[in-house]
Amino acid sequence: MAASLTYPEAIVIGLLQGVTELFPVSSLGHSVLLPAVIGGRWARDLSMSADQSPYLAFVVAVHVATAVALVWFFRSDWVRIVRGLISSVRTRSITNADERLAWLLIVATIPVGLVGLALEHTVRTALGRPLPASVFLIVNGILLASVERLRSRQRNVPVLVGADGTYASSAATGSGDGVSAGNGGIESDHRIANQSWRQALLIGSAQILALLPGISRSGSTIGAGLLRGLSHEDSARFAFLLATPVIAAAGVLKLPELAGPEGHGILGPVLAGSLVAGVAAYVSLRFLTKYFETRTLNPFAIYCVIAGAAGVVWSLAG
């Protein structure tokens, strides 16, 4: 029987994709693992490693929905950034934080764009299976925990005060890592814009790791930002701003697949799943932007190691 896509499959995976694309737990890894664990028709319909599958066309659509949610959530910020880019091009200079941030985002996006175009299909078809995804999910958890451990050894970093990853506010520690006072988004963007070109390039390049199923795009970028001296809040914001053009470009480039054989007869489920993914992504953003004002990556690291280990056991047992 040929693979297809049902409404329950589309809605569940849309919800999963919308949440895990932005949480530092790897949407690709979960999109590989969950259908395989459920098995049966789900495993057949939702195959990530097949060359031609309605699942791939569906994933393209939900990525576009996630990008729309990102743009809408940060709409006022993107208006400033785009205006800054236009004014910078017009004057052929960089005179303010918005103009500099626009160019930093462009520079930081180039590496993952080039590598993604060259290797995405090869990596997905070679590694888009449960066992590799489970192993990389464990690696993702270890990387997140390692970043937090290295971060805690740096000077003037808030000391963890709870097992849930909560740390003391900047007012208590004098670290500057926490909620900024007033106009938080603009102030955060100004701090992000103070990065060097090299630093932004390194942070953006961390997104390349997310080509591996099980490695999180947001986790890699947030972790790189933390290691380069940004706060959790600013690292998360930069990661979400960086994710917008990458996710949108990947979706738009592959959107024509929905008009081909892979998209035949699945437009209804695709629309349903995309709507769920967009709403889930928006809600996730509201939660995560508040979460990273006072909390760390540690809870996500623990989850990834446990989920990845369970996936390895399941894969080997099967």
Protein backbone atom coordinates (compact mmCIF):
# COMPACT_ATOMS: atom_id res chain seq x y z
CA MET A 1 0.00 0.00 0.00
CA ALA A 2 1.32 3.45 -0.94
CA ALA A 3 2.09 5.89 1.81
CA SER A 4 -0.40 8.68 2.45
CA LEU A 5 -1.16 11.15 5.22
CA THR A 6 -4.19 11.11 7.50
CA TYR A 7 -5.66 13.97 9.52
CA PRO A 8 -4.69 12.44 12.89
CA GLU A 9 -1.11 11.96 11.68
CA ALA A 10 -0.94 15.52 10.37
CA ILE A 11 -2.38 17.08 13.53
CA VAL A 12 -0.16 15.13 15.93
CA ILE A 13 3.02 15.69 13.93
CA GLY A 14 2.08 19.33 13.34
CA LEU A 15 1.78 19.83 17.09
CA LEU A 16 5.06 18.00 17.67
CA GLN A 17 6.86 19.98 14.98
CA GLY A 18 5.53 23.34 16.14
CA VAL A 19 6.77 22.74 19.69
CA THR A 20 10.06 20.92 19.12
CA GLU A 21 11.28 23.23 16.35
CA LEU A 22 11.78 25.97 18.93
CA PHE A 23 12.39 24.00 22.13
CA PRO A 24 16.04 22.87 22.25
CA VAL A 25 15.11 19.20 21.82
CA SER A 26 15.29 18.67 18.00
CA SER A 27 12.17 18.65 15.86
CA LEU A 28 13.82 16.42 13.25
CA GLY A 29 14.79 13.82 15.82
CA HIS A 30 11.26 13.68 17.23
CA SER A 31 9.73 13.61 13.76
CA VAL A 32 11.81 10.52 13.01
CA LEU A 33 11.28 8.76 16.33
CA LEU A 34 7.58 9.19 17.08
CA PRO A 35 6.18 7.59 13.89
CA ALA A 36 8.62 4.70 14.20
CA VAL A 37 7.65 4.07 17.82
CA ILE A 38 3.93 4.16 17.02
CA GLY A 39 4.58 1.79 14.12
CA GLY A 40 2.08 0.38 11.64
CA ARG A 41 0.63 2.86 9.20
CA TRP A 42 2.34 5.76 10.97
CA ALA A 43 5.78 4.27 10.36
CA ARG A 44 4.95 3.75 6.69
CA ASP A 45 3.26 7.10 6.06
CA LEU A 46 5.74 9.18 8.03
CA SER A 47 9.07 7.95 6.72
CA MET A 48 11.76 10.62 6.82
CA SER A 49 14.44 8.62 4.97
CA ALA A 50 12.38 7.70 1.89
CA ASP A 51 13.23 9.58 -1.30
CA GLN A 52 9.59 10.21 -2.17
CA SER A 53 7.13 10.50 0.67
CA PRO A 54 4.14 12.73 1.50
CA TYR A 55 5.77 13.18 4.89
CA LEU A 56 8.58 15.25 3.39
CA ALA A 57 6.13 17.57 1.63
CA PHE A 58 4.21 17.87 4.89
CA VAL A 59 7.32 18.75 6.88
CA VAL A 60 8.02 21.52 4.36
CA ALA A 61 4.56 22.99 4.99
CA VAL A 62 4.81 22.92 8.78
CA HIS A 63 8.21 24.58 8.59
CA VAL A 64 6.63 27.43 6.66
CA ALA A 65 3.90 27.63 9.32
CA THR A 66 6.57 27.82 12.04
CA ALA A 67 8.35 30.60 10.14
CA VAL A 68 5.08 32.52 9.89
CA ALA A 69 4.64 32.19 13.67
CA LEU A 70 8.19 33.48 14.21
CA VAL A 71 7.65 36.46 11.94
CA TRP A 72 4.34 37.33 13.60
CA PHE A 73 5.70 36.99 17.13
CA PHE A 74 8.69 39.24 16.38
CA ARG A 75 6.81 41.40 13.85
CA SER A 76 7.72 44.77 15.42
CA ASP A 77 11.35 43.70 15.71
CA TRP A 78 11.48 42.55 12.09
CA VAL A 79 10.01 45.87 10.97
CA ARG A 80 12.91 47.64 12.72
CA ILE A 81 15.46 45.19 11.36
CA VAL A 82 14.22 45.39 7.76
CA ARG A 83 14.09 49.18 7.95
CA GLY A 84 17.62 49.12 9.28
CA LEU A 85 18.78 46.95 6.39
CA ILE A 86 17.11 49.19 3.82
CA SER A 87 18.58 52.35 5.34
CA SER A 88 22.01 50.72 5.54
CA VAL A 89 21.92 49.72 1.88
CA ARG A 90 20.69 53.18 0.90
CA THR A 91 23.44 55.02 2.80
CA ARG A 92 26.07 52.30 2.32
CA SER A 93 26.92 52.52 5.99
CA ILE A 94 26.05 51.03 9.38
CA THR A 95 25.16 53.78 11.83
CA ASN A 96 22.84 52.20 14.44
CA ALA A 97 22.03 48.95 16.24
CA ASP A 98 19.15 47.97 13.94
CA GLU A 99 21.32 48.28 10.84
CA ARG A 100 24.13 46.29 12.44
CA LEU A 101 21.76 43.58 13.70
CA ALA A 102 20.30 43.18 10.19
CA TRP A 103 23.75 42.54 8.72
CA LEU A 104 24.76 40.29 11.62
CA LEU A 105 21.72 38.11 10.92
CA ILE A 106 22.64 37.90 7.22
CA VAL A 107 26.26 37.02 7.94
CA ALA A 108 25.29 34.44 10.57
CA THR A 109 22.81 32.75 8.20
CA ILE A 110 25.21 32.23 5.28
CA PRO A 111 27.07 29.13 6.61
CA VAL A 112 23.99 27.02 7.38
CA GLY A 113 22.39 28.12 4.11
CA LEU A 114 25.32 26.91 2.02
CA VAL A 115 25.86 23.68 3.95
CA GLY A 116 22.14 22.94 4.06
CA LEU A 117 21.78 23.24 0.30
CA ALA A 118 24.73 20.90 -0.20
CA LEU A 119 24.12 18.24 2.44
CA GLU A 120 20.52 18.32 3.74
CA HIS A 121 19.15 15.60 1.43
CA THR A 122 22.17 13.32 1.90
CA VAL A 123 22.16 13.63 5.68
CA ARG A 124 18.39 13.14 5.95
CA THR A 125 18.25 10.01 3.81
CA ALA A 126 21.35 8.51 5.45
CA LEU A 127 20.53 9.30 9.09
CA GLY A 128 16.76 9.84 9.17
CA ARG A 129 16.17 6.60 11.06
CA PRO A 130 15.32 5.89 14.72
CA LEU A 131 18.71 4.67 15.95
CA PRO A 132 20.85 7.55 14.61
CA ALA A 133 18.20 10.04 15.74
CA SER A 134 18.24 8.54 19.25
CA VAL A 135 22.03 8.65 19.47
CA PHE A 136 22.15 12.27 18.31
CA LEU A 137 19.39 13.14 20.78
CA ILE A 138 21.66 11.90 23.57
CA VAL A 139 24.52 13.92 22.08
CA ASN A 140 22.25 16.97 22.03
CA GLY A 141 21.51 16.55 25.74
CA ILE A 142 25.19 16.16 26.57
CA LEU A 143 26.04 19.28 24.57
CA LEU A 144 23.38 21.33 26.35
CA ALA A 145 24.54 20.17 29.77
CA SER A 146 28.18 20.78 28.86
CA VAL A 147 27.44 24.32 27.76
CA GLU A 148 25.72 25.07 31.06
CA ARG A 149 28.61 23.53 32.99
CA LEU A 150 31.17 25.61 31.10
CA ARG A 151 28.99 28.67 31.50
CA SER A 152 28.76 28.19 35.27
CA ARG A 153 32.56 28.25 35.50
CA GLN A 154 32.80 31.64 33.86
CA ARG A 155 33.10 34.72 36.01
CA ASN A 156 30.01 36.72 36.93
CA VAL A 157 27.58 34.01 35.88
CA PRO A 158 24.46 33.45 38.04
CA VAL A 159 24.71 30.50 40.41
CA LEU A 160 22.08 27.80 40.00
CA VAL A 161 19.71 27.74 42.94
CA GLY A 162 17.38 24.89 42.10
CA ALA A 163 17.26 21.48 40.45
CA ASP A 164 14.81 22.85 37.89
CA GLY A 165 17.51 25.09 36.43
CA THR A 166 16.36 28.39 37.96
CA TYR A 167 19.13 30.87 38.65
CA ALA A 168 19.37 34.09 40.61
CA SER A 169 18.37 37.30 38.87
CA SER A 170 20.88 39.81 37.58
CA ALA A 171 19.96 42.19 40.36
CA ALA A 172 21.12 39.65 42.92
CA THR A 173 24.24 38.51 41.12
CA GLY A 174 25.37 41.61 39.27
CA SER A 175 25.85 39.46 36.19
CA GLY A 176 23.59 41.23 33.74
CA ASP A 177 22.01 37.87 32.86
CA GLY A 178 18.27 38.15 33.34
CA VAL A 179 15.28 40.33 32.52
CA SER A 180 16.22 43.70 31.14
CA ALA A 181 14.40 46.74 32.47
CA GLY A 182 11.91 48.32 30.08
CA ASN A 183 11.84 48.00 26.27
CA GLY A 184 13.34 44.55 26.79
CA GLY A 185 13.24 43.55 23.14
CA ILE A 186 14.95 46.68 21.87
CA GLU A 187 17.55 46.60 24.64
CA SER A 188 18.21 42.92 23.96
CA ASP A 189 18.66 43.65 20.24
CA HIS A 190 21.13 46.41 21.08
CA ARG A 191 23.16 44.01 23.20
CA ILE A 192 23.07 41.40 20.45
CA ALA A 193 24.16 44.01 17.91
CA ASN A 194 27.30 44.64 19.96
CA GLN A 195 28.69 41.27 18.87
CA SER A 196 31.63 41.13 16.51
CA TRP A 197 31.14 39.80 12.99
CA ARG A 198 33.24 36.76 13.86
CA GLN A 199 31.18 36.02 16.94
CA ALA A 200 27.89 36.23 15.03
CA LEU A 201 29.32 33.99 12.31
CA LEU A 202 30.35 31.37 14.88
CA ILE A 203 26.94 31.42 16.57
CA GLY A 204 25.13 31.17 13.24
CA SER A 205 27.38 28.32 12.11
CA ALA A 206 26.20 26.27 15.10
CA GLN A 207 22.93 25.80 13.22
CA ILE A 208 24.73 23.42 10.86
CA LEU A 209 24.68 20.80 13.61
CA ALA A 210 20.87 20.73 13.34
CA LEU A 211 21.14 18.97 9.98
CA LEU A 212 21.77 15.87 12.10
CA PRO A 213 18.47 14.35 13.30
CA GLY A 214 18.46 14.68 17.08
CA ILE A 215 20.57 17.85 17.29
CA SER A 216 18.48 20.94 18.03
CA ARG A 217 18.82 24.10 15.96
CA SER A 218 17.74 26.39 18.79
CA GLY A 219 19.79 24.43 21.34
CA SER A 220 22.94 24.66 19.23
CA THR A 221 22.51 28.37 18.63
CA ILE A 222 21.60 29.22 22.22
CA GLY A 223 24.54 27.16 23.45
CA ALA A 224 26.94 28.89 21.07
CA GLY A 225 25.62 32.27 22.19
CA LEU A 226 26.16 31.37 25.84
CA LEU A 227 29.72 30.28 25.18
CA ARG A 228 30.37 33.56 23.37
CA GLY A 229 29.21 35.54 26.41
CA LEU A 230 25.56 36.32 25.68
CA SER A 231 22.96 35.86 28.41
CA HIS A 232 20.34 33.11 28.21
CA GLU A 233 17.72 35.69 27.31
CA ASP A 234 19.79 37.30 24.54
CA SER A 235 21.05 33.93 23.24
CA ALA A 236 17.49 32.65 22.92
CA ARG A 237 16.32 35.82 21.20
CA PHE A 238 19.21 35.73 18.72
CA ALA A 239 18.54 32.03 18.09
CA PHE A 240 14.87 32.68 17.30
CA LEU A 241 15.69 35.62 15.03
CA LEU A 242 18.30 33.51 13.23
CA ALA A 243 15.87 30.61 12.84
CA THR A 244 13.32 32.73 11.00
CA PRO A 245 15.13 33.20 7.64
CA VAL A 246 16.60 29.68 7.75
CA ILE A 247 13.29 27.92 8.35
CA ALA A 248 11.45 30.20 5.93
CA ALA A 249 14.01 29.73 3.16
CA ALA A 250 14.07 25.94 3.58
CA GLY A 251 10.29 25.86 3.39
CA VAL A 252 9.94 28.18 0.41
CA LEU A 253 12.63 26.37 -1.58
CA LYS A 254 10.85 23.05 -1.14
CA LEU A 255 7.26 24.28 -1.17
CA PRO A 256 6.85 23.39 -4.88
CA GLU A 257 7.07 19.72 -3.80
CA LEU A 258 3.48 20.06 -2.59
CA ALA A 259 2.44 20.57 -6.22
CA GLY A 260 4.25 17.38 -7.26
CA PRO A 261 3.54 13.68 -6.65
CA GLU A 262 4.52 13.92 -2.99
CA GLY A 263 1.77 16.42 -2.30
CA HIS A 264 -0.99 14.69 -4.25
CA GLY A 265 -4.17 14.19 -2.23
CA ILE A 266 -2.79 15.48 1.10
CA LEU A 267 -3.60 19.20 0.98
CA GLY A 268 -6.36 18.89 3.59
CA PRO A 269 -4.15 17.18 6.20
CA VAL A 270 -1.28 19.53 5.29
CA LEU A 271 -3.41 22.59 5.98
CA ALA A 272 -4.67 21.13 9.27
CA GLY A 273 -1.20 20.16 10.43
CA SER A 274 0.25 23.51 9.38
CA LEU A 275 -2.39 25.42 11.34
CA VAL A 276 -1.66 23.36 14.45
CA ALA A 277 2.10 23.78 13.95
CA GLY A 278 1.80 27.56 13.60
CA VAL A 279 -0.30 27.94 16.75
CA ALA A 280 1.98 25.57 18.70
CA ALA A 281 5.07 27.48 17.58
CA TYR A 282 3.57 30.81 18.66
CA VAL A 283 2.61 29.47 22.09
CA SER A 284 6.07 27.92 22.43
CA LEU A 285 7.70 31.26 21.67
CA ARG A 286 5.65 33.02 24.33
CA PHE A 287 6.74 30.41 26.86
CA LEU A 288 10.40 30.19 25.88
CA THR A 289 11.08 33.93 25.72
CA LYS A 290 9.88 34.16 29.32
CA TYR A 291 11.56 30.92 30.36
CA PHE A 292 15.03 31.98 29.29
CA GLU A 293 14.81 35.22 31.22
CA THR A 294 15.50 33.25 34.41
CA ARG A 295 16.20 29.62 33.52
CA THR A 296 18.76 27.42 31.80
CA LEU A 297 19.12 24.58 29.28
CA ASN A 298 19.57 21.91 31.97
CA PRO A 299 15.99 20.53 32.05
CA PHE A 300 16.07 20.08 28.27
CA ALA A 301 19.45 18.37 28.50
CA ILE A 302 18.07 15.83 30.97
CA TYR A 303 15.02 15.19 28.81
CA CYS A 304 17.10 14.65 25.65
CA VAL A 305 19.41 12.13 27.31
CA ILE A 306 16.50 10.16 28.76
CA ALA A 307 14.45 10.24 25.54
CA GLY A 308 17.48 9.39 23.42
CA ALA A 309 18.47 6.47 25.67
CA ALA A 310 14.91 5.13 25.52
CA GLY A 311 15.01 5.44 21.75
CA VAL A 312 18.30 3.51 21.54
CA VAL A 313 16.91 0.70 23.72
CA TRP A 314 13.74 0.58 21.64
CA SER A 315 15.67 0.55 18.34
CA LEU A 316 18.04 -2.22 19.41
CA ALA A 317 15.22 -4.26 20.95
CA GLY A 318 13.23 -4.05 17.74
